[in-house]
Protein backbone atom coordinates (compact mmCIF):
# COMPACT_ATOMS: atom_id res chain seq x y z
CA UNK A 1 66.91 93.67 -61.49
CA UNK A 2 64.84 94.40 -64.32
CA UNK A 3 63.62 91.05 -64.81
CA UNK A 4 62.42 90.76 -61.19
CA UNK A 5 60.56 94.27 -61.35
CA UNK A 6 58.63 93.09 -64.39
CA UNK A 7 57.43 90.00 -62.28
CA UNK A 8 55.67 92.16 -59.49
CA UNK A 9 54.39 94.79 -61.97
CA UNK A 10 52.61 91.85 -63.62
CA UNK A 11 51.59 89.92 -60.31
CA UNK A 12 49.89 92.92 -58.70
CA UNK A 13 47.08 92.74 -61.01
CA UNK A 14 46.38 89.43 -60.92
CA UNK A 15 45.97 89.59 -56.94
CA UNK A 16 43.54 92.69 -57.45
CA UNK A 17 41.36 90.68 -60.06
CA UNK A 18 41.35 87.43 -57.71
CA UNK A 19 40.23 89.40 -54.65
CA UNK A 20 37.56 91.41 -57.09
CA UNK A 21 36.29 88.17 -58.67
CA UNK A 22 36.04 86.29 -55.06
CA UNK A 23 33.02 83.91 -55.27
CA UNK A 24 31.09 83.77 -51.87
CA UNK A 25 28.25 81.74 -52.31
CA UNK A 26 25.04 81.20 -49.04
CA UNK A 27 23.45 77.82 -49.32
CA UNK A 28 19.83 77.88 -48.30
CA UNK A 29 18.52 74.44 -48.34
CA UNK A 30 16.42 71.84 -46.16
CA UNK A 31 18.82 70.11 -42.90
CA UNK A 32 18.20 66.97 -44.69
CA UNK A 33 20.15 67.45 -47.67
CA UNK A 34 22.46 70.35 -46.62
CA UNK A 35 25.13 68.09 -45.31
CA UNK A 36 25.72 66.18 -48.44
CA UNK A 37 25.34 69.03 -50.78
CA UNK A 38 28.02 71.00 -48.61
CA UNK A 39 30.20 67.84 -49.05
CA UNK A 40 30.15 67.54 -52.73
CA UNK A 41 29.32 70.33 -54.78
CA UNK A 42 32.45 71.77 -55.71
CA UNK A 43 31.21 75.58 -56.06
CA UNK A 44 30.74 75.49 -52.52
CA UNK A 45 34.52 74.00 -51.39
CA UNK A 46 36.98 76.65 -50.86
CA UNK A 47 39.08 75.53 -53.56
CA UNK A 48 36.60 76.27 -56.03
CA UNK A 49 35.69 80.32 -54.76
CA UNK A 50 36.73 82.42 -57.90
CA UNK A 51 33.90 83.58 -59.95
CA UNK A 52 35.24 84.04 -64.09
CA UNK A 53 35.14 86.92 -65.21
CA UNK A 54 33.17 86.31 -68.59
CA UNK A 55 29.51 86.18 -68.70
CA UNK A 56 29.87 83.00 -70.25
CA UNK A 57 31.92 81.63 -67.69
CA UNK A 58 29.30 82.47 -65.35
CA UNK A 59 26.84 80.66 -67.03
CA UNK A 60 28.62 77.72 -67.15
CA UNK A 61 29.35 77.31 -63.71
CA UNK A 62 25.74 78.04 -63.05
CA UNK A 63 24.79 75.29 -65.37
CA UNK A 64 27.59 72.97 -63.81
CA UNK A 65 26.46 73.62 -60.41
CA UNK A 66 22.90 73.07 -61.03
CA UNK A 67 23.89 69.80 -62.53
CA UNK A 68 25.60 68.79 -59.95
CA UNK A 69 23.33 69.27 -57.49
CA UNK A 70 20.58 67.79 -59.49
CA UNK A 71 22.95 64.49 -59.50
CA UNK A 72 23.81 64.35 -55.84
CA UNK A 73 20.27 64.84 -54.57
CA UNK A 74 19.30 61.79 -57.20
CA UNK A 75 21.40 59.56 -55.26
CA UNK A 76 19.44 61.13 -52.20
CA UNK A 77 16.35 59.83 -53.50
CA UNK A 78 15.37 63.20 -54.74
CA UNK A 79 14.36 62.86 -58.13
CA UNK A 80 12.41 66.79 -59.04
CA UNK A 81 14.07 69.53 -57.15
CA UNK A 82 14.17 72.78 -57.85
CA UNK A 83 17.75 74.57 -57.86
CA UNK A 84 19.04 78.14 -58.56
CA UNK A 85 22.14 80.13 -58.16
CA UNK A 86 21.47 83.68 -58.43
CA UNK A 87 23.57 86.94 -57.41
CA UNK A 88 22.40 88.88 -54.37
CA UNK A 89 25.13 91.36 -54.76
CA UNK A 90 28.66 91.98 -55.79
CA UNK A 91 30.57 89.33 -54.89
CA UNK A 92 27.98 87.28 -53.32
CA UNK A 93 25.58 84.55 -54.54
CA UNK A 94 22.68 82.51 -53.59
CA UNK A 95 22.17 78.80 -54.05
CA UNK A 96 18.53 77.70 -53.49
CA UNK A 97 17.66 74.25 -53.25
CA UNK A 98 14.04 72.81 -52.88
CA UNK A 99 14.88 69.10 -52.87
CA UNK A 100 11.20 68.35 -53.30
CA UNK A 101 9.69 65.27 -51.94
CA UNK A 102 12.33 61.76 -51.31
CA UNK A 103 10.82 58.83 -53.60
CA UNK A 104 9.73 55.77 -51.56
CA UNK A 105 9.81 52.55 -52.81
CA UNK A 106 6.85 51.63 -54.28
CA UNK A 107 7.36 47.90 -55.56
CA UNK A 108 9.96 45.27 -55.36
CA UNK A 109 10.63 42.23 -57.50
CA UNK A 110 13.20 39.30 -56.65
CA UNK A 111 13.58 36.80 -59.18
CA UNK A 112 16.19 33.80 -58.98
CA UNK A 113 17.52 31.58 -61.51
CA UNK A 114 19.91 28.62 -61.21
CA UNK A 115 19.23 25.88 -58.74
CA UNK A 116 17.84 27.89 -56.14
CA UNK A 117 14.91 28.48 -58.45
CA UNK A 118 14.27 24.50 -58.72
CA UNK A 119 11.23 22.84 -56.94
CA UNK A 120 12.67 22.64 -52.99
CA UNK A 121 13.81 25.95 -52.74
CA UNK A 122 10.83 27.69 -51.78
CA UNK A 123 11.43 28.24 -48.07
CA UNK A 124 15.19 29.81 -48.93
CA UNK A 125 13.56 31.89 -51.36
CA UNK A 126 10.89 33.23 -49.20
CA UNK A 127 13.52 33.53 -46.58
CA UNK A 128 15.79 35.81 -49.10
CA UNK A 129 12.52 38.09 -49.83
CA UNK A 130 11.96 38.63 -45.94
CA UNK A 131 15.30 39.71 -45.70
CA UNK A 132 15.47 41.97 -48.23
CA UNK A 133 16.45 45.42 -46.64
CA UNK A 134 14.99 47.96 -48.98
CA UNK A 135 11.11 47.48 -48.52
CA UNK A 136 8.00 49.05 -49.90
CA UNK A 137 7.42 52.10 -48.37
CA UNK A 138 11.11 52.76 -47.37
CA UNK A 139 13.32 56.07 -48.75
CA UNK A 140 15.03 55.53 -51.51
CA UNK A 141 19.14 56.04 -51.14
CA UNK A 142 21.36 55.27 -54.04
CA UNK A 143 23.57 53.56 -50.92
CA UNK A 144 20.59 52.23 -49.79
CA UNK A 145 20.03 50.56 -53.12
CA UNK A 146 23.57 49.40 -53.56
CA UNK A 147 23.90 48.00 -50.20
CA UNK A 148 20.31 45.63 -50.40
CA UNK A 149 21.54 43.88 -53.66
CA UNK A 150 24.93 43.48 -52.10
CA UNK A 151 22.84 41.71 -49.46
CA UNK A 152 20.57 39.76 -51.45
CA UNK A 153 23.88 38.60 -53.30
CA UNK A 154 26.09 37.59 -50.00
CA UNK A 155 23.01 35.55 -48.65
CA UNK A 156 22.66 33.56 -51.42
CA UNK A 157 26.35 33.01 -51.90
CA UNK A 158 27.58 32.72 -48.63
CA UNK A 159 25.71 28.95 -48.38
CA UNK A 160 25.73 26.72 -51.32
CA UNK A 161 25.67 29.03 -53.71
CA UNK A 162 29.81 30.05 -54.24
CA UNK A 163 28.84 31.36 -57.90
CA UNK A 164 25.90 33.18 -57.46
CA UNK A 165 25.56 36.63 -59.26
CA UNK A 166 23.17 39.43 -60.44
CA UNK A 167 22.30 39.15 -63.71
CA UNK A 168 19.93 41.89 -63.68
CA UNK A 169 18.81 44.75 -61.92
CA UNK A 170 16.88 48.11 -62.38
CA UNK A 171 15.15 51.21 -60.53
CA UNK A 172 11.81 52.37 -62.14
CA UNK A 173 11.86 56.45 -61.36
CA UNK A 174 8.55 58.20 -61.30
CA UNK A 175 9.55 61.72 -60.62
CA UNK A 176 5.88 62.82 -60.69
CA UNK A 177 4.84 60.25 -58.10
CA UNK A 178 7.92 60.34 -56.41
CA UNK A 179 8.37 56.70 -56.36
CA UNK A 180 10.41 53.90 -57.37
CA UNK A 181 9.83 50.31 -58.54
CA UNK A 182 12.85 47.78 -57.67
CA UNK A 183 13.92 44.93 -59.80
CA UNK A 184 16.54 42.28 -59.14
CA UNK A 185 17.39 39.06 -60.85
CA UNK A 186 19.94 36.60 -58.99
CA UNK A 187 20.97 33.06 -60.32
CA UNK A 188 22.74 31.52 -58.03
CA UNK A 189 24.33 28.88 -60.25
CA UNK A 190 24.74 25.23 -59.05
CA UNK A 191 25.26 23.94 -55.14
CA UNK A 192 28.96 23.78 -54.52
CA UNK A 193 30.18 20.96 -52.45
CA UNK A 194 33.87 20.96 -51.10
CA UNK A 195 36.56 18.66 -52.47
CA UNK A 196 40.00 18.12 -51.27
CA UNK A 197 41.92 20.66 -49.25
CA UNK A 198 45.13 21.86 -51.45
CA UNK A 199 47.72 24.00 -49.35
CA UNK A 200 50.43 26.27 -50.45
CA UNK A 201 53.07 27.81 -48.49
CA UNK A 202 54.19 24.82 -46.24
CA UNK A 203 57.93 24.32 -46.31
CA UNK A 204 59.46 23.04 -42.77
CA UNK A 205 55.88 22.01 -41.07
CA UNK A 206 54.47 18.50 -41.70
CA UNK A 207 52.23 18.45 -44.72
CA UNK A 208 49.57 17.05 -42.51
CA UNK A 209 49.25 19.57 -40.05
CA UNK A 210 46.60 21.94 -41.85
CA UNK A 211 44.17 18.55 -42.00
CA UNK A 212 44.76 18.34 -38.24
CA UNK A 213 43.70 21.34 -37.54
CA UNK A 214 40.83 21.81 -39.36
CA UNK A 215 37.71 19.94 -39.61
CA UNK A 216 36.29 20.23 -42.86
CA UNK A 217 35.03 17.04 -44.68
CA UNK A 218 35.23 16.30 -48.43
CA UNK A 219 31.77 16.22 -49.53
CA UNK A 220 30.17 18.52 -47.27
CA UNK A 221 27.81 21.97 -48.54
CA UNK A 222 29.67 24.49 -49.05
CA UNK A 223 29.53 27.31 -46.02
CA UNK A 224 31.35 30.33 -45.86
CA UNK A 225 31.19 30.52 -42.10
CA UNK A 226 33.02 27.15 -42.10
CA UNK A 227 35.47 28.62 -44.19
CA UNK A 228 36.16 31.29 -41.99
CA UNK A 229 35.99 29.51 -39.10
CA UNK A 230 38.55 26.82 -40.29
CA UNK A 231 41.09 29.69 -41.10
CA UNK A 232 40.33 31.26 -37.69
CA UNK A 233 41.72 27.94 -36.31
CA UNK A 234 44.69 27.78 -38.87
CA UNK A 235 45.32 31.48 -37.59
CA UNK A 236 45.25 30.71 -34.12
CA UNK A 237 47.82 28.05 -34.15
CA UNK A 238 51.28 29.53 -33.54
CA UNK A 239 52.89 27.73 -36.63
CA UNK A 240 51.43 29.72 -38.89
CA UNK A 241 52.19 33.91 -39.48
CA UNK A 242 49.09 34.51 -41.60
CA UNK A 243 46.48 32.11 -43.55
CA UNK A 244 43.89 32.18 -46.27
CA UNK A 245 41.02 30.11 -47.13
CA UNK A 246 39.04 29.71 -49.92
CA UNK A 247 37.36 27.34 -52.54
CA UNK A 248 37.61 27.14 -56.21
CA UNK A 249 34.84 28.71 -57.72
CA UNK A 250 34.51 27.48 -60.95
CA UNK A 251 30.88 25.92 -61.62
CA UNK A 252 32.42 23.10 -63.41
CA UNK A 253 34.15 22.42 -60.31
CA UNK A 254 31.38 22.40 -57.90
CA UNK A 255 30.52 18.85 -57.47
CA UNK A 256 33.97 18.82 -55.80
CA UNK A 257 35.45 22.29 -55.32
CA UNK A 258 39.07 22.35 -54.13
CA UNK A 259 39.50 24.30 -50.77
CA UNK A 260 42.52 26.48 -51.36
CA UNK A 261 45.07 27.12 -48.07
CA UNK A 262 47.50 29.65 -48.19
CA UNK A 263 50.02 29.66 -45.53
CA UNK A 264 52.91 31.92 -44.32
CA UNK A 265 54.83 29.96 -41.90
CA UNK A 266 55.80 31.87 -38.67
CA UNK A 267 59.00 31.41 -37.07
CA UNK A 268 59.07 28.31 -34.88
CA UNK A 269 61.58 29.37 -32.05
CA UNK A 270 60.96 32.04 -29.83
CA UNK A 271 62.80 33.48 -26.42
CA UNK A 272 60.74 35.13 -23.99
CA UNK A 273 61.31 37.28 -20.85
CA UNK A 274 58.40 38.18 -18.45
CA UNK A 275 58.05 40.46 -15.66
CA UNK A 276 55.11 41.48 -13.51
CA UNK A 277 53.11 41.32 -10.08
CA UNK A 278 50.16 40.70 -8.19
CA UNK A 279 49.78 40.52 -4.34
CA UNK A 280 48.84 37.13 -4.41
CA UNK A 281 52.54 35.83 -5.02
CA UNK A 282 54.43 38.93 -4.95
CA UNK A 283 57.23 40.03 -7.85
CA UNK A 284 57.02 37.94 -10.65
CA UNK A 285 60.35 37.65 -13.57
CA UNK A 286 59.96 34.79 -16.40
CA UNK A 287 62.45 33.02 -18.64
CA UNK A 288 60.71 31.29 -21.55
CA UNK A 289 61.69 29.16 -24.54
CA UNK A 290 58.98 27.82 -27.17
CA UNK A 291 59.32 25.82 -30.18
CA UNK A 292 56.48 24.91 -32.28
CA UNK A 293 57.86 22.96 -34.54
CA UNK A 294 59.50 20.44 -32.22
CA UNK A 295 61.55 17.81 -34.50
CA UNK A 296 60.19 19.07 -37.41
CA UNK A 297 56.59 17.86 -36.32
CA UNK A 298 54.80 20.75 -35.22
CA UNK A 299 54.69 19.58 -31.53
CA UNK A 300 54.73 22.39 -29.51
CA UNK A 301 57.38 22.59 -26.54
CA UNK A 302 57.03 25.42 -23.80
CA UNK A 303 59.80 25.40 -20.82
CA UNK A 304 61.02 27.97 -18.58
CA UNK A 305 61.64 29.40 -15.35
CA UNK A 306 59.67 31.43 -13.25
CA UNK A 307 60.41 32.89 -10.25
CA UNK A 308 57.85 34.57 -7.86
CA UNK A 309 58.67 35.92 -4.30
CA UNK A 310 56.39 33.30 -2.60
CA UNK A 311 56.96 30.70 -5.41
CA UNK A 312 59.49 29.65 -7.86
CA UNK A 313 59.16 26.96 -10.62
CA UNK A 314 60.90 25.02 -13.44
CA UNK A 315 58.28 23.38 -16.00
CA UNK A 316 58.28 22.18 -19.62
CA UNK A 317 55.38 21.09 -21.33
CA UNK A 318 54.62 19.09 -24.63
CA UNK A 319 51.60 19.61 -26.87
CA UNK A 320 51.26 17.45 -29.79
CA UNK A 321 49.60 18.69 -33.10
CA UNK A 322 45.55 18.11 -32.77
CA UNK A 323 43.65 14.80 -33.63
CA UNK A 324 40.50 14.36 -35.56
CA UNK A 325 37.29 15.22 -33.77
CA UNK A 326 38.88 17.86 -31.76
CA UNK A 327 41.39 15.89 -29.47
CA UNK A 328 44.92 17.01 -27.86
CA UNK A 329 47.67 15.60 -26.13
CA UNK A 330 49.94 17.00 -23.79
CA UNK A 331 52.58 16.32 -21.18
CA UNK A 332 54.36 17.85 -18.63
CA UNK A 333 56.26 18.13 -15.56
CA UNK A 334 56.97 20.92 -13.15
CA UNK A 335 59.23 21.38 -10.32
CA UNK A 336 58.07 23.88 -7.73
CA UNK A 337 58.74 25.21 -4.45
CA UNK A 338 56.69 27.77 -2.58
CA UNK A 339 56.53 29.48 1.04
CA UNK A 340 52.86 30.89 1.63
CA UNK A 341 51.20 31.26 4.98
CA UNK A 342 54.03 29.72 6.90
CA UNK A 343 54.11 26.59 4.55
CA UNK A 344 56.69 25.49 2.81
CA UNK A 345 56.12 23.21 0.08
CA UNK A 346 58.87 21.49 -2.59
CA UNK A 347 56.48 19.78 -5.19
CA UNK A 348 57.65 17.55 -8.28
CA UNK A 349 54.89 16.41 -10.88
CA UNK A 350 54.52 14.82 -13.83
CA UNK A 351 51.17 14.30 -15.87
CA UNK A 352 49.46 13.72 -19.58
CA UNK A 353 46.49 14.87 -20.10
CA UNK A 354 43.95 14.83 -23.23
CA UNK A 355 41.68 17.66 -24.31
CA UNK A 356 38.55 17.88 -26.16
CA UNK A 357 37.42 20.70 -27.87
CA UNK A 358 33.79 20.54 -28.92
CA UNK A 359 33.05 24.65 -29.88
CA UNK A 360 32.55 26.09 -26.10
CA UNK A 361 33.01 23.03 -24.43
CA UNK A 362 36.50 21.66 -23.13
CA UNK A 363 36.72 18.30 -21.63
CA UNK A 364 40.13 16.65 -20.25
CA UNK A 365 40.92 13.75 -18.86
CA UNK A 366 44.44 13.30 -17.39
CA UNK A 367 46.56 11.11 -15.14
CA UNK A 368 49.36 12.76 -12.68
CA UNK A 369 51.82 11.61 -10.47
CA UNK A 370 53.48 14.07 -7.91
CA UNK A 371 55.30 14.05 -4.54
CA UNK A 372 56.01 16.88 -2.22
CA UNK A 373 57.44 17.46 1.00
CA UNK A 374 55.86 20.52 3.39
CA UNK A 375 57.32 22.13 6.43
CA UNK A 376 55.03 23.80 8.36
CA UNK A 377 56.44 26.84 10.52
CA UNK A 378 55.76 25.59 13.61
CA UNK A 379 54.91 22.03 12.76
CA UNK A 380 56.75 18.78 11.70
CA UNK A 381 57.85 18.25 8.12
CA UNK A 382 56.23 15.38 6.21
CA UNK A 383 55.90 13.78 2.41
CA UNK A 384 53.15 12.74 0.49
CA UNK A 385 52.87 11.02 -2.85
CA UNK A 386 50.01 10.58 -5.09
CA UNK A 387 48.95 9.06 -8.56
CA UNK A 388 45.64 10.39 -9.49
CA UNK A 389 43.18 10.52 -12.54
CA UNK A 390 41.70 13.72 -13.11
CA UNK A 391 38.57 14.88 -15.12
CA UNK A 392 37.78 18.43 -15.79
CA UNK A 393 34.63 20.24 -17.83
CA UNK A 394 34.89 23.93 -18.67
CA UNK A 395 32.02 25.90 -20.65
CA UNK A 396 32.83 29.63 -21.80
CA UNK A 397 29.83 31.30 -23.25
CA UNK A 398 31.14 35.02 -23.26
CA UNK A 399 31.32 37.68 -25.35
CA UNK A 400 35.00 38.45 -25.04
CA UNK A 401 37.44 35.96 -23.14
CA UNK A 402 39.85 38.38 -21.86
CA UNK A 403 37.32 41.30 -20.90
CA UNK A 404 33.81 39.64 -20.64
CA UNK A 405 30.37 41.51 -19.96
CA UNK A 406 27.76 39.39 -20.87
CA UNK A 407 28.05 35.74 -20.39
CA UNK A 408 28.80 32.89 -17.97
CA UNK A 409 31.75 30.38 -17.51
CA UNK A 410 31.54 26.84 -15.54
CA UNK A 411 34.05 24.68 -14.39
CA UNK A 412 34.10 21.70 -13.12
CA UNK A 413 37.20 19.00 -11.79
CA UNK A 414 36.79 15.59 -10.43
CA UNK A 415 40.22 13.87 -9.09
CA UNK A 416 41.57 11.51 -6.82
CA UNK A 417 44.03 8.55 -5.99
CA UNK A 418 44.39 5.17 -4.57
CA UNK A 419 46.74 3.79 -1.40
CA UNK A 420 46.68 0.77 -4.01
CA UNK A 421 47.92 2.64 -6.61
CA UNK A 422 51.21 4.65 -5.78
CA UNK A 423 48.85 6.99 -3.22
CA UNK A 424 49.49 7.73 0.26
CA UNK A 425 45.82 8.05 0.81
CA UNK A 426 42.87 7.04 -0.65
CA UNK A 427 40.78 10.46 -1.46
CA UNK A 428 38.12 11.67 -4.00
CA UNK A 429 38.25 15.58 -4.76
CA UNK A 430 35.20 17.62 -6.14
CA UNK A 431 35.36 21.10 -7.41
CA UNK A 432 33.37 23.53 -9.28
CA UNK A 433 33.22 26.86 -9.93
CA UNK A 434 30.79 29.52 -11.66
CA UNK A 435 31.02 33.26 -12.80
CA UNK A 436 27.98 35.12 -14.13
CA UNK A 437 28.96 38.58 -16.22
CA UNK A 438 25.19 40.43 -16.39
CA UNK A 439 25.90 43.84 -18.37
CA UNK A 440 24.01 46.76 -16.29
CA UNK A 441 22.81 49.72 -19.02
CA UNK A 442 25.38 50.62 -21.31
CA UNK A 443 28.45 50.34 -19.88
CA UNK A 444 28.37 48.50 -16.19
CA UNK A 445 28.33 44.89 -15.25
CA UNK A 446 27.38 42.92 -12.21
CA UNK A 447 29.68 40.11 -12.00
CA UNK A 448 28.11 36.99 -9.93
CA UNK A 449 30.98 34.50 -8.51
CA UNK A 450 30.76 31.20 -6.56
CA UNK A 451 32.70 28.33 -5.80
CA UNK A 452 33.02 25.06 -3.71
CA UNK A 453 34.96 22.34 -3.03
CA UNK A 454 35.15 19.11 -1.24
CA UNK A 455 37.70 16.57 -0.88
CA UNK A 456 36.29 12.50 0.34
CA UNK A 457 38.83 10.84 2.86
CA UNK A 458 39.44 9.59 6.00
CA UNK A 459 41.55 12.56 6.88
CA UNK A 460 43.58 15.28 4.93
CA UNK A 461 46.87 13.73 5.99
CA UNK A 462 48.68 11.94 3.10
CA UNK A 463 46.94 13.95 0.65
CA UNK A 464 48.75 16.50 -1.34
CA UNK A 465 48.03 20.35 -1.28
CA UNK A 466 46.41 20.67 -4.72
CA UNK A 467 43.78 18.63 -4.14
CA UNK A 468 42.82 20.18 -0.75
CA UNK A 469 41.90 23.62 -0.33
CA UNK A 470 42.86 26.80 1.08
CA UNK A 471 41.44 30.30 0.08
CA UNK A 472 41.50 33.76 0.23
CA UNK A 473 43.12 37.05 -1.70
CA UNK A 474 42.63 38.38 -4.95
CA UNK A 475 39.91 36.85 -6.93
CA UNK A 476 38.68 35.05 -4.03
CA UNK A 477 37.85 36.23 -0.65
CA UNK A 478 39.40 39.99 -0.76
CA UNK A 479 40.45 41.21 2.72
CA UNK A 480 42.72 38.10 3.92
CA UNK A 481 45.98 37.38 2.59
CA UNK A 482 46.60 34.60 -0.27
CA UNK A 483 45.77 31.18 0.78
CA UNK A 484 45.06 32.65 4.54
CA UNK A 485 42.13 30.96 5.34
CA UNK A 486 42.36 27.04 5.91
CA UNK A 487 43.79 24.56 8.51
CA UNK A 488 46.07 25.88 11.21
CA UNK A 489 48.88 24.09 12.00
CA UNK A 490 51.61 25.31 14.18
CA UNK A 491 52.06 29.02 12.76
CA UNK A 492 51.00 27.69 8.90
CA UNK A 493 47.73 27.33 6.81
CA UNK A 494 47.58 24.20 5.41
CA UNK A 495 44.62 22.86 2.98
CA UNK A 496 41.65 21.32 4.06
CA UNK A 497 38.82 18.99 2.90
CA UNK A 498 36.06 21.73 2.51
CA UNK A 499 36.17 24.99 0.52
CA UNK A 500 32.89 27.50 -0.42
CA UNK A 501 33.25 31.20 -1.72
CA UNK A 502 30.84 33.25 -2.87
CA UNK A 503 31.88 37.00 -4.42
CA UNK A 504 29.64 39.98 -6.10
CA UNK A 505 30.94 42.64 -7.92
CA UNK A 506 29.50 46.09 -9.47
CA UNK A 507 32.02 47.51 -11.92
CA UNK A 508 30.90 50.84 -13.53
CA UNK A 509 33.05 51.91 -16.18
CA UNK A 510 33.14 55.82 -16.58
CA UNK A 511 35.28 55.79 -19.30
CA UNK A 512 36.09 53.22 -21.87
CA UNK A 513 39.50 52.23 -20.25
CA UNK A 514 38.52 53.14 -16.48
CA UNK A 515 36.26 52.02 -14.42
CA UNK A 516 35.48 51.59 -10.68
CA UNK A 517 34.50 48.81 -8.83
CA UNK A 518 32.50 47.84 -5.32
CA UNK A 519 32.32 44.10 -3.99
CA UNK A 520 31.75 41.53 -1.63
CA UNK A 521 33.13 38.41 -0.66
CA UNK A 522 32.34 35.33 1.70
CA UNK A 523 33.74 31.91 2.07
CA UNK A 524 36.47 29.91 3.96
CA UNK A 525 38.53 27.02 3.69
CA UNK A 526 38.52 24.42 6.45
CA UNK A 527 38.53 20.59 7.44
CA UNK A 528 35.41 19.91 8.34
CA UNK A 529 31.80 21.60 8.85
CA UNK A 530 32.31 22.19 12.39
CA UNK A 531 35.18 24.16 12.00
CA UNK A 532 33.93 25.91 8.48
CA UNK A 533 33.19 29.78 9.46
CA UNK A 534 32.20 32.21 6.82
CA UNK A 535 34.83 34.90 6.67
CA UNK A 536 33.54 38.44 4.89
CA UNK A 537 35.55 40.56 3.10
CA UNK A 538 33.98 44.04 0.88
CA UNK A 539 35.80 47.15 -0.34
CA UNK A 540 36.15 49.40 -3.80
CA UNK A 541 38.72 49.30 -6.77
CA UNK A 542 39.65 50.76 -9.65
CA UNK A 543 39.65 49.04 -13.23
CA UNK A 544 41.86 49.25 -15.99
CA UNK A 545 41.48 47.38 -19.53
CA UNK A 546 45.02 46.34 -20.53
CA UNK A 547 45.38 43.88 -23.50
CA UNK A 548 45.77 41.08 -21.42
CA UNK A 549 42.60 41.93 -19.31
CA UNK A 550 41.40 43.93 -16.89
CA UNK A 551 43.70 44.85 -14.53
CA UNK A 552 41.94 45.42 -10.68
CA UNK A 553 43.51 47.21 -7.92
CA UNK A 554 41.18 46.71 -4.82
CA UNK A 555 41.15 47.97 -1.57
CA UNK A 556 39.32 45.29 0.60
CA UNK A 557 38.71 45.21 4.50
CA UNK A 558 38.17 41.66 6.27
CA UNK A 559 35.52 41.80 8.45
CA UNK A 560 36.84 39.25 10.68
CA UNK A 561 40.42 40.27 10.46
CA UNK A 562 39.52 43.74 11.17
CA UNK A 563 42.42 44.91 8.87
CA UNK A 564 42.53 46.61 5.49
CA UNK A 565 43.98 45.10 2.48
CA UNK A 566 45.59 45.81 -1.01
CA UNK A 567 44.82 43.80 -4.19
CA UNK A 568 46.48 43.81 -7.11
CA UNK A 569 45.57 41.46 -10.51
CA UNK A 570 44.34 40.89 -13.52
CA UNK A 571 40.71 40.35 -13.42
CA UNK A 572 40.52 37.18 -15.77
CA UNK A 573 37.85 34.85 -16.89
CA UNK A 574 39.33 31.66 -16.35
């Protein structure tokens, strides 16, 4: 009990002293420097709000505060400030700051050494000088000075000169004139060329997979963007969990700098389950098995079972590793049954496709054989088969593949079969689709869409439904049921030889994740021009940005159908 009483008696005077000597400082400074001073001057922070008792300590605090203020203002380009910390009344102090005139850049001298300084480098040197981000006349700040030097070094080292470095830099300050003279010297070093690719981290995958996925050529000039694109291609491959790509930056090896690729392999086998819903096909459940290193050869096998209310299918696709020049082969098989708009279809198909990827353009060439059985409600059952050659071309130039706001997508398909080559009918199919995304203001977007198709044949008899046309539904002519526009046979709707659709949609994003849309669609599918009738639909909808793309919920009125219809789907760019 005696010990506790002693502690209490000692602590009361200590609290009193702290209260009496609490420091309250009022900052008087222009808005241009107030925020930076409040953030960095210790005497203005809540953790330093006690004024020392002794006069010597107070003088030390005043001197420290003045030094801090001058040092902080120097980083903002104020080199001749007037700083006073004075007592106004008991416990009240005033920190007055007059920063003076901010120094501006009076001169910039950029010098280059190494290969870049040799004859032939004049154009690039002048380009680097034009790109300098702290020009004459601009206010000087330490952060801008550091950023300008780093930007210059990056501009030199990102192409050709992987070992570039800053060998000298200075900022000469004239406080009286409020000016700064800048000088920087960059040594580019020798030009680098790529050597052989050296891979580490491979255990189960084939050794040539990295070279197949990449398009770097030994002997080509060093370009950091090319390395990043190579790294991105590897990272996008399902066989890898992580990838780091860089080169050996030793100037002694500049003639053939090894490309170092460090990879971490991903799990090769995946079992997936999925569920969803769209107004086109109804509720959906899916089971998928994927092996991205089949037989230890980096073949990708994707097989599964998809069950929808209006369609059920079992499928298997095998993708071979990429070949040189962006070529990739695949083969697949599918068994499918569907019942849409009174047409029950059973289909079996097998095919092989070769895809070519060139930047934003993807081209596919393939051969497919399929058989199908049609059972139209109120009509006659029929069977059809076709061996077809097919070609497709897709151009995607958008800012975001999943949620585009600016750009366009073009897609063209050509294909057909002949009776002389295992087909029931001679036919040739043409199809094209175009979508334009036009930004309006800061958030909104106007989407213009058009598609058209024609199958050249004596009649539609004997031609599989995949090579004919039906339309209607989400992302088509809204206000009408999915694939309800086509050729009527009995109480069923079958595909015709002609199709055309136009659509316009305006989306207003009132929040980052939420938007509203207004749209109008028009189009039809028929077997000839005489029976082609434009069907119109228009309405409004809601949009939500999901990780897989905007989800659309639309309420549309079909003018010819004279009814409202709800459409729900993911509004993706194809």
